[in-house]
Amino acid sequence: MRLGIKSVQPLTPIANTTFEPSCQWHCAVAVETAQKSKSTRAPSKCKRLVVDTKEDCHKRPLSRLSKRWKEYHGSKGWEGLLDPLDDGLRSEIMRYGSFVDAAYQSFDFDPSSPTYATCRYARNSILERAGINGSGYRVTKSLHATSSIPMPHWIGKMGVRSSWIGYVAVCEDKDEISRLGRRDIVISLRGTATCLEWLENLRGTLTSCPFSNADDVTEENNDSMVESGVLSLYTSSTSTCASLQQSLKDEILRIVQKYNGEPLSITITGHSLGASLAILAAYDIKTTIKHDLHLSVISFGGPRVGNRSFRHNLELQGTKILRIVNSDDLITKVPGILVEDHDDMAHGKRARVAHLPRWVQHHVKDNQWVYANIGHELRLSSRTSLNLNSMNVATCHDLKTYLHLVNGFVTVN
């Protein structure tokens, strides 16, 4: 789905302006995608789409979230919510985007730092130190991703195999649980940051997905495949660091058992590499943890991650995936040379790879480069924002660009 969008207000420079989710708790996400200007704030007369006080939030229609949260998390395939973009869904997207931003804010990017590739903050203070105040959530687990690529010792810190990639947080505030309509478990994952993570991203061929449920395997879905590099970061471990897969499954199982009998949801959110890992984690958790809970993915700027059979298995599971896509973001168009047409797959037609000579099609298929688009898309474009002064690859892919586009614009017919 491609959405036309227009600005909510006359456009003005937004250097260092903060866009805040319309939710009960205060969270500021700085937008740094515009070129720097002498002005540090937007004019005070500019209108916002948000309110900052709990009192106002309770008076607004957001109180209906407790009744509509399953719709906002895909129970009806986001039908009627994306075009135009529903304000309640917009608030949820911004809220989970803030959790991803907190993962970035907490990561130590400085290779010269003694704590490089680790979390900068103590686990109990991650959300507050990253700017999310009064969320009602508590971080219960730090998560690490490990590369399987061997590196020589002389590389030093640039060759660090395991790095902090995000966290698990649980809503524990009674008022927030009431507002949400359930106890929510958030898994938040950042994008690519370390040298080895970049190298894993280059491993773009498909490989067999190792955690399909053997009882569910049929002739149609027994060739489920996912990107090699993402799978490596998800399943690899060291003698001192458990795999992301194991850490997630152990923690989710612990939380689900602790709150057994309560309405529960798992929302996995991530940007870039984190978006790919989110889909892989959703598939794995849904396959291995047999509890009655709603699991959804809200991702930003995610690359392709699997083939047609992998997508089919996700759909059979009932896992709901909403991909926020900037049509000007090149990262969302890789890996894979060509992609199967989703409409053809929906109508049961055989896989095809565009209008190319047969020998090219066979080569692409034989070398495992044929990916399938997964999930529902909310598609926006940087070109519609005059505030974004740069159209380079980094700007179009930046999480803050995505949050700016979602929060600062409305969809139109």
Protein backbone atom coordinates (compact mmCIF):
# COMPACT_ATOMS: atom_id res chain seq x y z
CA MET A 1 0.00 0.00 0.00
CA ARG A 2 1.36 3.44 -0.93
CA LEU A 3 -0.03 6.37 0.97
CA GLY A 4 -0.22 9.96 -0.11
CA ILE A 5 0.64 12.29 2.74
CA LYS A 6 0.43 15.98 3.44
CA SER A 7 1.77 18.13 6.22
CA VAL A 8 -0.35 18.91 9.23
CA GLN A 9 0.87 22.49 9.41
CA PRO A 10 2.91 25.02 7.42
CA LEU A 11 6.36 23.53 7.25
CA THR A 12 9.13 25.15 9.27
CA PRO A 13 12.70 24.11 10.08
CA ILE A 14 12.74 21.38 12.71
CA ALA A 15 16.36 21.25 13.78
CA ASN A 16 16.47 19.65 17.21
CA THR A 17 12.69 19.71 17.49
CA THR A 18 11.25 16.83 19.49
CA PHE A 19 8.27 14.78 18.39
CA GLU A 20 6.47 13.07 21.22
CA PRO A 21 4.10 10.11 21.15
CA SER A 22 0.48 10.81 22.02
CA CYS A 23 0.48 8.47 24.97
CA GLN A 24 -0.01 8.55 28.69
CA TRP A 25 3.68 8.81 29.43
CA HIS A 26 6.09 11.48 28.30
CA CYS A 27 8.74 10.43 25.81
CA ALA A 28 10.83 12.74 23.64
CA VAL A 29 12.47 11.50 20.45
CA ALA A 30 14.78 14.08 18.93
CA VAL A 31 14.57 14.46 15.15
CA GLU A 32 18.03 15.06 13.73
CA THR A 33 17.43 14.37 10.07
CA ALA A 34 17.10 18.00 9.04
CA GLN A 35 20.24 20.00 8.41
CA LYS A 36 21.46 21.96 11.40
CA SER A 37 20.32 25.57 11.64
CA LYS A 38 20.90 28.40 14.08
CA SER A 39 17.48 27.83 15.51
CA THR A 40 17.35 25.19 18.22
CA ARG A 41 13.60 24.94 18.44
CA ALA A 42 10.63 25.21 16.15
CA PRO A 43 8.53 28.36 16.66
CA SER A 44 6.28 28.05 19.67
CA LYS A 45 3.19 28.70 17.56
CA CYS A 46 3.70 25.39 15.73
CA LYS A 47 0.95 22.91 16.46
CA ARG A 48 1.75 19.42 17.69
CA LEU A 49 -0.12 16.21 17.23
CA VAL A 50 0.48 15.31 20.85
CA VAL A 51 -0.35 16.18 24.41
CA ASP A 52 2.08 16.01 27.29
CA THR A 53 -0.03 15.50 30.40
CA LYS A 54 -1.61 12.36 31.74
CA GLU A 55 -4.82 14.25 32.50
CA ASP A 56 -5.31 15.32 28.89
CA CYS A 57 -4.45 11.87 27.60
CA HIS A 58 -7.18 10.26 29.69
CA LYS A 59 -9.71 12.73 28.34
CA ARG A 60 -8.74 12.01 24.75
CA PRO A 61 -10.09 9.03 22.75
CA LEU A 62 -6.85 7.18 23.60
CA SER A 63 -8.78 5.58 26.47
CA ARG A 64 -10.36 3.38 23.79
CA LEU A 65 -6.97 1.70 23.42
CA SER A 66 -7.98 -0.92 25.97
CA LYS A 67 -10.83 -1.94 23.67
CA ARG A 68 -9.07 -1.59 20.32
CA TRP A 69 -5.51 -2.66 21.04
CA LYS A 70 -5.89 -5.97 19.20
CA GLU A 71 -6.96 -4.08 16.07
CA TYR A 72 -3.94 -1.80 16.42
CA HIS A 73 -1.79 -4.91 16.69
CA GLY A 74 -3.17 -6.57 13.58
CA SER A 75 -6.09 -8.78 14.63
CA LYS A 76 -7.96 -7.59 11.52
CA GLY A 77 -4.91 -7.09 9.34
CA TRP A 78 -4.91 -3.32 10.02
CA GLU A 79 -7.90 -3.03 7.70
CA GLY A 80 -9.15 0.56 7.57
CA LEU A 81 -6.34 1.83 9.82
CA LEU A 82 -3.54 2.58 7.35
CA ASP A 83 -5.22 4.75 4.72
CA PRO A 84 -5.82 7.20 6.29
CA LEU A 85 -3.57 6.49 9.25
CA ASP A 86 -5.65 6.05 12.39
CA ASP A 87 -4.55 8.38 15.20
CA GLY A 88 -4.69 5.60 17.76
CA LEU A 89 -2.46 3.41 15.62
CA ARG A 90 -0.14 6.35 15.02
CA SER A 91 0.27 6.74 18.78
CA GLU A 92 1.06 3.05 19.19
CA ILE A 93 3.64 3.16 16.38
CA MET A 94 5.31 6.18 17.96
CA ARG A 95 5.26 4.57 21.39
CA TYR A 96 7.05 1.45 20.19
CA GLY A 97 9.40 3.55 18.06
CA SER A 98 10.43 5.28 21.29
CA PHE A 99 11.35 1.91 22.80
CA VAL A 100 13.64 1.29 19.81
CA ASP A 101 15.14 4.75 20.15
CA ALA A 102 15.89 3.92 23.78
CA ALA A 103 17.94 0.93 22.58
CA TYR A 104 20.01 3.24 20.37
CA GLN A 105 20.39 5.85 23.12
CA SER A 106 21.64 3.20 25.52
CA PHE A 107 24.26 1.63 23.23
CA ASP A 108 27.91 2.66 23.48
CA PHE A 109 28.99 3.37 19.88
CA ASP A 110 32.50 4.65 20.75
CA PRO A 111 35.23 2.10 19.82
CA SER A 112 37.69 3.96 22.05
CA SER A 113 35.47 3.50 25.08
CA PRO A 114 36.22 0.69 27.54
CA THR A 115 32.50 -0.15 27.42
CA TYR A 116 32.22 -0.20 23.63
CA ALA A 117 29.33 -2.33 22.29
CA THR A 118 27.72 -2.63 25.72
CA CYS A 119 24.80 -0.88 27.35
CA ARG A 120 25.74 2.53 28.76
CA TYR A 121 23.20 2.37 31.56
CA ALA A 122 22.24 0.05 34.38
CA ARG A 123 19.35 -2.19 33.37
CA ASN A 124 16.87 -0.60 35.81
CA SER A 125 17.57 2.89 34.47
CA ILE A 126 17.63 2.26 30.70
CA LEU A 127 14.21 3.73 29.91
CA GLU A 128 14.54 6.79 32.12
CA ARG A 129 18.12 7.57 31.02
CA ALA A 130 17.04 7.24 27.39
CA GLY A 131 14.23 9.78 27.87
CA ILE A 132 11.20 7.55 28.49
CA ASN A 133 9.74 8.72 31.77
CA GLY A 134 6.82 7.20 33.62
CA SER A 135 6.22 4.51 31.04
CA GLY A 136 5.00 1.91 33.51
CA TYR A 137 7.44 -0.59 31.95
CA ARG A 138 10.44 -2.18 33.63
CA VAL A 139 13.41 -3.66 31.78
CA THR A 140 13.83 -7.26 32.88
CA LYS A 141 16.49 -8.55 30.50
CA SER A 142 19.39 -7.20 28.45
CA LEU A 143 19.88 -8.87 25.08
CA HIS A 144 23.05 -9.59 23.11
CA ALA A 145 23.65 -10.63 19.52
CA THR A 146 26.68 -12.73 18.58
CA SER A 147 28.37 -13.14 15.23
CA SER A 148 29.70 -16.48 14.04
CA ILE A 149 32.37 -14.84 11.86
CA PRO A 150 35.84 -15.57 13.28
CA MET A 151 38.13 -12.56 13.61
CA PRO A 152 41.85 -12.40 14.51
CA HIS A 153 42.67 -11.20 18.01
CA TRP A 154 44.79 -8.30 16.76
CA ILE A 155 41.64 -6.62 15.42
CA GLY A 156 40.83 -5.64 18.99
CA LYS A 157 37.49 -4.10 19.91
CA MET A 158 36.43 -3.77 16.30
CA GLY A 159 36.20 -7.55 16.21
CA VAL A 160 33.96 -7.89 19.26
CA ARG A 161 31.71 -10.90 18.65
CA SER A 162 28.90 -10.24 21.11
CA SER A 163 27.27 -6.84 21.52
CA TRP A 164 24.31 -5.44 23.44
CA ILE A 165 21.41 -5.17 21.00
CA GLY A 166 18.33 -4.40 23.08
CA TYR A 167 16.15 -5.44 25.95
CA VAL A 168 12.94 -7.03 27.20
CA ALA A 169 10.58 -4.82 29.21
CA VAL A 170 7.30 -5.65 30.95
CA CYS A 171 4.46 -3.30 31.80
CA GLU A 172 4.03 -3.43 35.57
CA ASP A 173 2.02 -0.26 36.31
CA LYS A 174 -1.63 -1.05 37.08
CA ASP A 175 -2.94 2.17 35.53
CA GLU A 176 -0.97 1.60 32.35
CA ILE A 177 -2.07 -2.03 32.16
CA SER A 178 -5.66 -0.81 32.44
CA ARG A 179 -5.10 1.76 29.69
CA LEU A 180 -3.44 -0.78 27.41
CA GLY A 181 -6.09 -3.43 28.05
CA ARG A 182 -3.51 -6.10 28.88
CA ARG A 183 -0.04 -6.63 30.32
CA ASP A 184 2.37 -5.92 27.48
CA ILE A 185 5.82 -7.45 27.01
CA VAL A 186 8.11 -5.41 24.76
CA ILE A 187 11.17 -6.74 22.96
CA SER A 188 13.15 -3.80 21.54
CA LEU A 189 16.07 -4.27 19.13
CA ARG A 190 18.43 -1.69 17.62
CA GLY A 191 19.94 -1.72 14.15
CA THR A 192 23.43 -2.51 12.87
CA ALA A 193 26.27 -0.91 14.84
CA THR A 194 29.42 -3.07 15.01
CA CYS A 195 31.87 -4.20 12.35
CA LEU A 196 30.86 -7.85 12.59
CA GLU A 197 27.17 -6.95 12.37
CA TRP A 198 27.88 -5.13 9.12
CA LEU A 199 29.74 -8.18 7.83
CA GLU A 200 26.82 -10.43 8.78
CA ASN A 201 24.53 -8.13 6.78
CA LEU A 202 26.55 -8.97 3.69
CA ARG A 203 25.64 -12.65 4.04
CA GLY A 204 22.47 -12.15 2.10
CA THR A 205 21.79 -15.62 0.72
CA LEU A 206 18.94 -17.67 2.12
CA THR A 207 19.48 -20.67 4.36
CA SER A 208 17.12 -23.23 5.86
CA CYS A 209 15.22 -22.05 8.90
CA PRO A 210 16.23 -24.43 11.70
CA PHE A 211 13.36 -23.96 14.14
CA SER A 212 10.24 -24.93 12.24
CA ASN A 213 7.83 -27.13 14.19
CA ALA A 214 8.29 -30.63 12.79
CA ASP A 215 4.62 -31.43 13.47
CA ASP A 216 3.53 -28.58 11.20
CA VAL A 217 5.87 -29.26 8.28
CA THR A 218 4.05 -30.03 5.05
CA GLU A 219 5.04 -30.21 1.42
CA GLU A 220 4.16 -26.50 1.11
CA ASN A 221 6.22 -25.13 3.96
CA ASN A 222 9.14 -27.53 4.45
CA ASP A 223 11.52 -25.24 2.55
CA SER A 224 11.24 -22.24 4.87
CA MET A 225 14.39 -20.14 4.49
CA VAL A 226 15.78 -16.98 6.11
CA GLU A 227 18.75 -14.68 5.55
CA SER A 228 22.04 -16.27 6.60
CA GLY A 229 23.52 -13.26 8.40
CA VAL A 230 20.42 -12.52 10.46
CA LEU A 231 20.11 -16.17 11.46
CA SER A 232 23.75 -16.18 12.53
CA LEU A 233 23.29 -13.16 14.80
CA TYR A 234 20.14 -14.71 16.25
CA THR A 235 21.45 -18.20 17.02
CA SER A 236 25.22 -17.82 17.63
CA SER A 237 26.68 -17.84 21.14
CA THR A 238 30.01 -17.92 22.96
CA SER A 239 31.18 -19.61 26.14
CA THR A 240 30.37 -16.43 28.07
CA CYS A 241 27.37 -15.08 26.18
CA ALA A 242 24.13 -16.92 25.42
CA SER A 243 22.59 -16.53 21.99
CA LEU A 244 19.89 -13.94 21.40
CA GLN A 245 17.56 -16.85 20.65
CA GLN A 246 18.17 -18.58 23.97
CA SER A 247 18.04 -15.39 26.03
CA LEU A 248 14.75 -14.36 24.49
CA LYS A 249 13.05 -17.72 24.82
CA ASP A 250 14.14 -18.19 28.45
CA GLU A 251 13.00 -14.70 29.44
CA ILE A 252 9.68 -14.80 27.60
CA LEU A 253 8.87 -18.21 29.05
CA ARG A 254 9.71 -16.95 32.55
CA ILE A 255 7.46 -13.89 32.18
CA VAL A 256 4.59 -15.83 30.62
CA GLN A 257 4.68 -18.39 33.42
CA LYS A 258 4.82 -15.63 36.05
CA TYR A 259 1.72 -13.89 34.69
CA ASN A 260 -0.11 -16.99 33.55
CA GLY A 261 -3.85 -16.38 33.49
CA GLU A 262 -3.59 -12.65 32.71
CA PRO A 263 -4.27 -11.13 29.28
CA LEU A 264 -0.79 -10.89 27.75
CA SER A 265 0.72 -9.52 24.57
CA ILE A 266 4.21 -9.66 23.14
CA THR A 267 5.20 -6.77 20.92
CA ILE A 268 8.54 -7.08 19.16
CA THR A 269 9.84 -3.85 17.69
CA GLY A 270 13.08 -3.00 15.92
CA HIS A 271 14.78 -0.89 13.30
CA SER A 272 16.94 -2.05 10.38
CA LEU A 273 18.77 -5.21 11.53
CA GLY A 274 16.55 -5.14 14.61
CA ALA A 275 13.50 -5.30 12.34
CA SER A 276 14.80 -8.46 10.68
CA LEU A 277 15.67 -10.03 14.02
CA ALA A 278 12.20 -9.09 15.29
CA ILE A 279 10.49 -11.15 12.57
CA LEU A 280 12.82 -14.10 13.15
CA ALA A 281 12.24 -13.93 16.91
CA ALA A 282 8.47 -13.73 16.44
CA TYR A 283 8.48 -16.88 14.34
CA ASP A 284 10.68 -18.74 16.81
CA ILE A 285 8.76 -17.67 19.93
CA LYS A 286 5.40 -18.47 18.40
CA THR A 287 6.70 -21.89 17.34
CA THR A 288 8.23 -22.93 20.65
CA ILE A 289 6.20 -21.21 23.38
CA LYS A 290 2.70 -22.67 23.38
CA HIS A 291 0.69 -20.09 25.30
CA ASP A 292 -2.43 -18.19 24.39
CA LEU A 293 -1.01 -14.71 23.84
CA HIS A 294 -1.13 -12.12 21.09
CA LEU A 295 2.22 -11.66 19.34
CA SER A 296 2.86 -8.83 16.91
CA VAL A 297 5.79 -7.08 15.24
CA ILE A 298 6.02 -3.35 14.59
CA SER A 299 9.19 -2.71 12.61
CA PHE A 300 10.92 0.28 11.03
CA GLY A 301 13.11 0.23 7.93
CA GLY A 302 13.51 -3.53 7.88
CA PRO A 303 15.42 -5.35 5.11
CA ARG A 304 14.00 -8.52 3.57
CA VAL A 305 14.41 -11.53 5.78
CA GLY A 306 12.87 -14.70 4.31
CA ASN A 307 11.32 -16.54 1.40
CA ARG A 308 7.76 -17.41 0.43
CA SER A 309 7.56 -20.50 2.67
CA PHE A 310 8.82 -18.55 5.67
CA ARG A 311 6.12 -15.95 5.08
CA HIS A 312 3.51 -18.70 4.70
CA ASN A 313 4.50 -20.24 8.03
CA LEU A 314 4.25 -16.86 9.77
CA GLU A 315 0.76 -16.41 8.37
CA LEU A 316 -0.26 -19.88 9.53
CA GLN A 317 0.96 -19.03 13.03
CA GLY A 318 -1.20 -15.94 13.14
CA THR A 319 1.78 -13.70 13.84
CA LYS A 320 0.90 -10.09 12.95
CA ILE A 321 3.58 -7.97 11.30
CA LEU A 322 3.39 -4.26 10.48
CA ARG A 323 6.36 -2.92 8.53
CA ILE A 324 6.86 0.85 8.48
CA VAL A 325 8.61 1.48 5.16
CA ASN A 326 10.11 4.65 3.71
CA SER A 327 9.86 4.14 -0.06
CA ASP A 328 13.07 6.19 -0.45
CA ASP A 329 15.01 3.92 1.93
CA LEU A 330 17.24 1.59 -0.09
CA ILE A 331 17.80 -0.72 2.88
CA THR A 332 14.20 -1.93 2.67
CA LYS A 333 14.89 -3.18 -0.87
CA VAL A 334 17.72 -5.57 0.08
CA PRO A 335 18.94 -8.30 0.25
CA GLY A 336 17.88 -10.32 -2.74
CA ILE A 337 18.21 -9.43 -6.38
CA LEU A 338 14.54 -10.02 -7.08
CA VAL A 339 11.46 -10.60 -5.01
CA GLU A 340 8.45 -12.79 -5.62
CA ASP A 341 5.26 -10.91 -6.37
CA HIS A 342 2.99 -11.05 -3.31
CA ASP A 343 -0.25 -10.90 -5.32
CA ASP A 344 0.79 -13.90 -7.40
CA MET A 345 1.58 -15.85 -4.24
CA ALA A 346 -1.80 -14.96 -2.74
CA HIS A 347 -3.55 -16.41 -5.78
CA GLY A 348 -1.53 -19.60 -5.71
CA LYS A 349 0.55 -18.90 -8.80
CA ARG A 350 4.00 -20.34 -9.17
CA ALA A 351 6.95 -18.29 -8.01
CA ARG A 352 8.41 -16.00 -10.61
CA VAL A 353 11.30 -13.54 -10.64
CA ALA A 354 10.34 -10.66 -12.89
CA HIS A 355 10.66 -10.58 -16.67
CA LEU A 356 14.17 -11.89 -17.16
CA PRO A 357 15.70 -14.61 -19.31
CA ARG A 358 15.08 -18.07 -17.92
CA TRP A 359 18.75 -18.77 -17.32
CA VAL A 360 18.95 -15.69 -15.08
CA GLN A 361 15.84 -16.76 -13.19
CA HIS A 362 17.23 -20.23 -12.63
CA HIS A 363 20.56 -18.79 -11.46
CA VAL A 364 18.85 -16.50 -8.97
CA LYS A 365 16.67 -19.30 -7.59
CA ASP A 366 19.45 -21.88 -7.48
CA ASN A 367 21.68 -19.49 -5.53
CA GLN A 368 18.95 -18.75 -3.01
CA TRP A 369 18.40 -15.05 -3.65
CA VAL A 370 14.63 -15.00 -4.06
CA TYR A 371 13.00 -13.23 -1.11
CA ALA A 372 9.34 -12.51 -0.34
CA ASN A 373 7.88 -9.37 1.19
CA ILE A 374 6.52 -10.19 4.65
CA GLY A 375 3.71 -8.56 6.60
CA HIS A 376 1.52 -5.52 6.06
CA GLU A 377 3.15 -2.25 5.04
CA LEU A 378 2.63 1.34 6.05
CA ARG A 379 4.53 3.02 3.24
CA LEU A 380 5.63 6.63 3.54
CA SER A 381 8.15 8.75 1.64
CA SER A 382 10.88 11.22 2.62
CA ARG A 383 10.19 13.18 -0.54
CA THR A 384 6.90 14.43 0.84
CA SER A 385 8.63 16.19 3.75
CA LEU A 386 10.18 19.56 3.02
CA ASN A 387 11.70 19.40 6.49
CA LEU A 388 14.10 16.65 5.41
CA ASN A 389 16.82 18.63 3.70
CA SER A 390 18.89 15.61 2.81
CA MET A 391 17.89 12.61 0.72
CA ASN A 392 21.01 10.51 1.24
CA VAL A 393 20.87 6.84 2.14
CA ALA A 394 21.66 7.40 5.82
CA THR A 395 18.99 10.06 6.31
CA CYS A 396 16.27 8.05 4.57
CA HIS A 397 17.09 5.04 6.74
CA ASP A 398 17.45 6.87 10.06
CA LEU A 399 14.95 5.80 12.73
CA LYS A 400 14.29 9.46 13.52
CA THR A 401 13.27 10.03 9.91
CA TYR A 402 10.72 7.24 10.25
CA LEU A 403 9.34 8.66 13.49
CA HIS A 404 9.17 12.12 11.93
CA LEU A 405 7.23 10.84 8.94
CA VAL A 406 4.79 8.86 11.07
CA ASN A 407 4.24 11.57 13.66
CA GLY A 408 4.43 14.75 11.62
CA PHE A 409 2.20 13.91 8.71
CA VAL A 410 -1.29 12.62 8.04
CA THR A 411 -2.40 10.29 5.29
CA VAL A 412 -4.91 11.47 2.71
CA ASN A 413 -7.01 9.73 0.09
